[in-house]
Amino acid sequence: MFSIFSSKSPDDEMQKAQALFEKVTSSKSDSRETRNLRLRMALLCKAHMDKSFVAGAEQMATWQASIEWAIANGKKKPPQPEPSVFQKIKAGDNDVYVYLPEEYAHEAYFLGARYQRAEIPALTAIETIQALADQLCLYELRLSEPFQVLQFLRDELSQSPVISSTGELP
């Protein structure tokens, strides 16, 4: 009826997000406009990686609790949660879908899960996901300066007496 009231389906928005990522990463141009697009895409990718890490940690905690409940009640174990290559990110007043290729999205998610299970310490999680972000920035987005991921975890560690007494911040 009125186009202003029609909203696009999540599937349409996800396809649009993937197309935008592919357009930005495949562009050979080095114009100012293209660099600005790459920088904006980098910010969205940073948010995606942070959110995927948190989702991995949160979903792993929920999954572990549901496994314990299933075992205690003689029920079938639930399947392990799966990461998504799409994340819904707040951008200004709107929510937008952001796409990351599977290798990046899944790695960020499973690092969060491993961190939640205490398989890796916070500093290792930060270093590993930062290396992933560096790879994304340098090889996919062709940016000379990579973005910094997991700032919330870095801030938390900087408040730790062990880290702050050495003078080193993650």
C-alpha atoms as a PDB file:
ATOM      1  CA  MET A   1       0.000   0.000   0.000  1.00  0.00           C
ATOM      2  CA  PHE A   2       2.342   2.730   1.233  1.00  0.00           C
ATOM      3  CA  SER A   3       6.021   2.011   0.714  1.00  0.00           C
ATOM      4  CA  ILE A   4       6.834   3.873   3.924  1.00  0.00           C
ATOM      5  CA  PHE A   5       4.931   1.233   5.929  1.00  0.00           C
ATOM      6  CA  SER A   6       6.366  -1.779   4.167  1.00  0.00           C
ATOM      7  CA  SER A   7       9.388  -3.245   5.773  1.00  0.00           C
ATOM      8  CA  LYS A   8      11.822  -5.506   4.075  1.00  0.00           C
ATOM      9  CA  SER A   9      12.053  -9.041   5.328  1.00  0.00           C
ATOM     10  CA  PRO A  10      15.096 -10.081   7.368  1.00  0.00           C
ATOM     11  CA  ASP A  11      16.131 -12.361   4.485  1.00  0.00           C
ATOM     12  CA  ASP A  12      16.118  -9.388   2.098  1.00  0.00           C
ATOM     13  CA  GLU A  13      18.127  -7.328   4.565  1.00  0.00           C
ATOM     14  CA  MET A  14      20.656 -10.149   4.997  1.00  0.00           C
ATOM     15  CA  GLN A  15      21.072 -10.517   1.247  1.00  0.00           C
ATOM     16  CA  LYS A  16      21.579  -6.765   1.010  1.00  0.00           C
ATOM     17  CA  ALA A  17      24.206  -6.884   3.789  1.00  0.00           C
ATOM     18  CA  GLN A  18      26.113  -9.678   2.067  1.00  0.00           C
ATOM     19  CA  ALA A  19      25.963  -7.883  -1.289  1.00  0.00           C
ATOM     20  CA  LEU A  20      27.289  -4.699   0.319  1.00  0.00           C
ATOM     21  CA  PHE A  21      30.193  -6.545   1.963  1.00  0.00           C
ATOM     22  CA  GLU A  22      31.066  -8.237  -1.326  1.00  0.00           C
ATOM     23  CA  LYS A  23      30.799  -4.949  -3.233  1.00  0.00           C
ATOM     24  CA  VAL A  24      33.096  -3.147  -0.792  1.00  0.00           C
ATOM     25  CA  THR A  25      35.679  -5.939  -0.649  1.00  0.00           C
ATOM     26  CA  SER A  26      35.731  -6.523  -4.395  1.00  0.00           C
ATOM     27  CA  SER A  27      36.124  -2.872  -5.356  1.00  0.00           C
ATOM     28  CA  LYS A  28      39.490  -2.136  -6.930  1.00  0.00           C
ATOM     29  CA  SER A  29      39.035   1.606  -6.676  1.00  0.00           C
ATOM     30  CA  ASP A  30      41.060   3.641  -4.231  1.00  0.00           C
ATOM     31  CA  SER A  31      38.912   6.746  -4.451  1.00  0.00           C
ATOM     32  CA  ARG A  32      38.007   8.753  -1.386  1.00  0.00           C
ATOM     33  CA  GLU A  33      34.440   7.457  -1.580  1.00  0.00           C
ATOM     34  CA  THR A  34      35.628   3.836  -1.684  1.00  0.00           C
ATOM     35  CA  ARG A  35      37.998   4.370   1.261  1.00  0.00           C
ATOM     36  CA  ASN A  36      35.120   5.874   3.234  1.00  0.00           C
ATOM     37  CA  LEU A  37      32.948   2.858   2.378  1.00  0.00           C
ATOM     38  CA  ARG A  38      35.722   0.540   3.548  1.00  0.00           C
ATOM     39  CA  LEU A  39      36.073   2.443   6.808  1.00  0.00           C
ATOM     40  CA  ARG A  40      32.326   2.310   7.448  1.00  0.00           C
ATOM     41  CA  MET A  41      32.320  -1.390   6.617  1.00  0.00           C
ATOM     42  CA  ALA A  42      35.231  -1.886   9.034  1.00  0.00           C
ATOM     43  CA  LEU A  43      33.187  -0.330  11.848  1.00  0.00           C
ATOM     44  CA  LEU A  44      30.275  -2.629  11.064  1.00  0.00           C
ATOM     45  CA  CYS A  45      32.603  -5.640  10.912  1.00  0.00           C
ATOM     46  CA  LYS A  46      34.111  -4.672  14.271  1.00  0.00           C
ATOM     47  CA  ALA A  47      30.633  -4.582  15.801  1.00  0.00           C
ATOM     48  CA  HIS A  48      29.857  -7.958  14.187  1.00  0.00           C
ATOM     49  CA  MET A  49      33.016  -9.565  15.565  1.00  0.00           C
ATOM     50  CA  ASP A  50      32.403  -8.167  19.058  1.00  0.00           C
ATOM     51  CA  LYS A  51      28.783  -9.290  18.989  1.00  0.00           C
ATOM     52  CA  SER A  52      29.697 -12.752  17.655  1.00  0.00           C
ATOM     53  CA  PHE A  53      32.238 -13.186  20.458  1.00  0.00           C
ATOM     54  CA  VAL A  54      29.635 -12.234  23.070  1.00  0.00           C
ATOM     55  CA  ALA A  55      27.009 -14.450  21.421  1.00  0.00           C
ATOM     56  CA  GLY A  56      29.416 -17.379  21.518  1.00  0.00           C
ATOM     57  CA  ALA A  57      30.078 -16.829  25.221  1.00  0.00           C
ATOM     58  CA  GLU A  58      26.408 -16.326  26.143  1.00  0.00           C
ATOM     59  CA  GLN A  59      25.053 -19.164  24.037  1.00  0.00           C
ATOM     60  CA  MET A  60      27.737 -21.516  25.327  1.00  0.00           C
ATOM     61  CA  ALA A  61      26.781 -20.711  28.933  1.00  0.00           C
ATOM     62  CA  THR A  62      23.095 -21.357  28.171  1.00  0.00           C
ATOM     63  CA  TRP A  63      23.921 -24.539  26.272  1.00  0.00           C
ATOM     64  CA  GLN A  64      26.103 -25.875  29.089  1.00  0.00           C
ATOM     65  CA  ALA A  65      23.297 -25.239  31.595  1.00  0.00           C
ATOM     66  CA  SER A  66      20.767 -26.991  29.353  1.00  0.00           C
ATOM     67  CA  ILE A  67      23.099 -29.987  28.996  1.00  0.00           C
ATOM     68  CA  GLU A  68      23.435 -30.226  32.777  1.00  0.00           C
ATOM     69  CA  TRP A  69      19.650 -30.066  33.110  1.00  0.00           C
ATOM     70  CA  ALA A  70      19.173 -32.716  30.386  1.00  0.00           C
ATOM     71  CA  ILE A  71      21.659 -35.081  32.044  1.00  0.00           C
ATOM     72  CA  ALA A  72      20.106 -34.562  35.479  1.00  0.00           C
ATOM     73  CA  ASN A  73      16.626 -35.237  34.096  1.00  0.00           C
ATOM     74  CA  GLY A  74      17.544 -38.116  31.784  1.00  0.00           C
ATOM     75  CA  LYS A  75      16.681 -36.116  28.667  1.00  0.00           C
ATOM     76  CA  LYS A  76      18.378 -35.906  25.307  1.00  0.00           C
ATOM     77  CA  LYS A  77      21.214 -33.366  25.113  1.00  0.00           C
ATOM     78  CA  PRO A  78      20.357 -30.280  23.041  1.00  0.00           C
ATOM     79  CA  PRO A  79      22.415 -29.595  19.925  1.00  0.00           C
ATOM     80  CA  GLN A  80      25.292 -27.145  20.218  1.00  0.00           C
ATOM     81  CA  PRO A  81      24.315 -23.630  19.083  1.00  0.00           C
ATOM     82  CA  GLU A  82      25.626 -22.505  15.721  1.00  0.00           C
ATOM     83  CA  PRO A  83      27.097 -19.118  14.831  1.00  0.00           C
ATOM     84  CA  SER A  84      25.653 -16.888  12.165  1.00  0.00           C
ATOM     85  CA  VAL A  85      27.404 -14.959   9.420  1.00  0.00           C
ATOM     86  CA  PHE A  86      24.840 -12.197  10.044  1.00  0.00           C
ATOM     87  CA  GLN A  87      24.475  -9.977  13.089  1.00  0.00           C
ATOM     88  CA  LYS A  88      21.878  -7.303  13.727  1.00  0.00           C
ATOM     89  CA  ILE A  89      23.772  -4.162  14.733  1.00  0.00           C
ATOM     90  CA  LYS A  90      22.486  -0.846  16.042  1.00  0.00           C
ATOM     91  CA  ALA A  91      23.573   1.866  13.586  1.00  0.00           C
ATOM     92  CA  GLY A  92      22.328   5.255  14.689  1.00  0.00           C
ATOM     93  CA  ASP A  93      18.575   5.009  15.175  1.00  0.00           C
ATOM     94  CA  ASN A  94      18.263   1.883  13.041  1.00  0.00           C
ATOM     95  CA  ASP A  95      19.169  -1.763  13.278  1.00  0.00           C
ATOM     96  CA  VAL A  96      21.050  -3.126  10.286  1.00  0.00           C
ATOM     97  CA  TYR A  97      22.222  -6.574   9.363  1.00  0.00           C
ATOM     98  CA  VAL A  98      25.943  -6.983   8.908  1.00  0.00           C
ATOM     99  CA  TYR A  99      27.551  -9.861   7.033  1.00  0.00           C
ATOM    100  CA  LEU A 100      30.946 -11.403   7.703  1.00  0.00           C
ATOM    101  CA  PRO A 101      32.308 -14.394   5.814  1.00  0.00           C
ATOM    102  CA  GLU A 102      31.998 -17.657   7.705  1.00  0.00           C
ATOM    103  CA  GLU A 103      35.691 -17.934   8.554  1.00  0.00           C
ATOM    104  CA  TYR A 104      35.601 -14.649  10.495  1.00  0.00           C
ATOM    105  CA  ALA A 105      32.138 -14.925  12.056  1.00  0.00           C
ATOM    106  CA  HIS A 106      32.582 -18.508  13.196  1.00  0.00           C
ATOM    107  CA  GLU A 107      36.067 -17.951  14.575  1.00  0.00           C
ATOM    108  CA  ALA A 108      34.891 -14.944  16.620  1.00  0.00           C
ATOM    109  CA  TYR A 109      31.904 -16.941  17.902  1.00  0.00           C
ATOM    110  CA  PHE A 110      33.943 -19.992  18.880  1.00  0.00           C
ATOM    111  CA  LEU A 111      36.598 -17.839  20.558  1.00  0.00           C
ATOM    112  CA  GLY A 112      33.819 -16.427  22.738  1.00  0.00           C
ATOM    113  CA  ALA A 113      32.623 -19.958  23.472  1.00  0.00           C
ATOM    114  CA  ARG A 114      36.147 -21.121  24.366  1.00  0.00           C
ATOM    115  CA  TYR A 115      36.618 -18.076  26.581  1.00  0.00           C
ATOM    116  CA  GLN A 116      33.303 -18.837  28.327  1.00  0.00           C
ATOM    117  CA  ARG A 117      34.384 -22.444  28.963  1.00  0.00           C
ATOM    118  CA  ALA A 118      37.668 -21.081  30.405  1.00  0.00           C
ATOM    119  CA  GLU A 119      39.671 -22.935  27.755  1.00  0.00           C
ATOM    120  CA  ILE A 120      41.558 -19.732  26.951  1.00  0.00           C
ATOM    121  CA  PRO A 121      42.331 -16.688  29.091  1.00  0.00           C
ATOM    122  CA  ALA A 122      41.060 -13.229  28.207  1.00  0.00           C
ATOM    123  CA  LEU A 123      44.411 -12.040  26.870  1.00  0.00           C
ATOM    124  CA  THR A 124      44.667 -15.011  24.502  1.00  0.00           C
ATOM    125  CA  ALA A 125      41.103 -14.389  23.315  1.00  0.00           C
ATOM    126  CA  ILE A 126      41.917 -10.735  22.655  1.00  0.00           C
ATOM    127  CA  GLU A 127      45.174 -11.504  20.831  1.00  0.00           C
ATOM    128  CA  THR A 128      43.593 -14.231  18.701  1.00  0.00           C
ATOM    129  CA  ILE A 129      40.535 -12.257  17.662  1.00  0.00           C
ATOM    130  CA  GLN A 130      42.702  -9.171  17.036  1.00  0.00           C
ATOM    131  CA  ALA A 131      44.828 -11.216  14.629  1.00  0.00           C
ATOM    132  CA  LEU A 132      41.593 -12.222  12.899  1.00  0.00           C
ATOM    133  CA  ALA A 133      40.482  -8.577  12.713  1.00  0.00           C
ATOM    134  CA  ASP A 134      43.894  -7.573  11.352  1.00  0.00           C
ATOM    135  CA  GLN A 135      43.548 -10.183   8.621  1.00  0.00           C
ATOM    136  CA  LEU A 136      40.049  -8.950   7.747  1.00  0.00           C
ATOM    137  CA  CYS A 137      41.185  -5.320   7.574  1.00  0.00           C
ATOM    138  CA  LEU A 138      44.358  -5.924   5.608  1.00  0.00           C
ATOM    139  CA  TYR A 139      43.256  -8.603   3.145  1.00  0.00           C
ATOM    140  CA  GLU A 140      39.493  -8.177   2.752  1.00  0.00           C
ATOM    141  CA  LEU A 141      38.973  -4.451   3.324  1.00  0.00           C
ATOM    142  CA  ARG A 142      42.482  -3.376   2.263  1.00  0.00           C
ATOM    143  CA  LEU A 143      42.867  -0.898   5.113  1.00  0.00           C
ATOM    144  CA  SER A 144      46.290   0.105   6.364  1.00  0.00           C
ATOM    145  CA  GLU A 145      45.083   0.511   9.960  1.00  0.00           C
ATOM    146  CA  PRO A 146      43.141  -2.413  11.443  1.00  0.00           C
ATOM    147  CA  PHE A 147      40.339  -1.757  13.915  1.00  0.00           C
ATOM    148  CA  GLN A 148      40.602  -2.843  17.535  1.00  0.00           C
ATOM    149  CA  VAL A 149      38.183  -5.534  18.702  1.00  0.00           C
ATOM    150  CA  LEU A 150      36.882  -6.490  22.142  1.00  0.00           C
ATOM    151  CA  GLN A 151      37.414  -3.065  23.662  1.00  0.00           C
ATOM    152  CA  PHE A 152      35.006  -4.000  26.475  1.00  0.00           C
ATOM    153  CA  LEU A 153      37.233  -6.932  27.456  1.00  0.00           C
ATOM    154  CA  ARG A 154      40.368  -4.815  27.153  1.00  0.00           C
ATOM    155  CA  ASP A 155      38.769  -2.228  29.462  1.00  0.00           C
ATOM    156  CA  GLU A 156      37.830  -4.937  31.936  1.00  0.00           C
ATOM    157  CA  LEU A 157      41.386  -6.264  31.948  1.00  0.00           C
ATOM    158  CA  SER A 158      42.859  -2.792  32.340  1.00  0.00           C
ATOM    159  CA  GLN A 159      40.893  -2.513  35.600  1.00  0.00           C
ATOM    160  CA  SER A 160      42.471  -5.746  36.835  1.00  0.00           C
ATOM    161  CA  PRO A 161      45.166  -5.113  39.477  1.00  0.00           C
ATOM    162  CA  VAL A 162      47.484  -7.667  37.812  1.00  0.00           C
ATOM    163  CA  ILE A 163      47.414  -5.917  34.444  1.00  0.00           C
ATOM    164  CA  SER A 164      47.462  -2.354  35.727  1.00  0.00           C
ATOM    165  CA  SER A 165      50.379  -3.006  38.101  1.00  0.00           C
ATOM    166  CA  THR A 166      52.576  -4.082  35.203  1.00  0.00           C
ATOM    167  CA  GLY A 167      51.639  -0.993  33.252  1.00  0.00           C
ATOM    168  CA  GLU A 168      50.680  -3.100  30.243  1.00  0.00           C
ATOM    169  CA  LEU A 169      47.271  -2.864  28.705  1.00  0.00           C
ATOM    170  CA  PRO A 170      45.945  -5.492  26.363  1.00  0.00           C
END
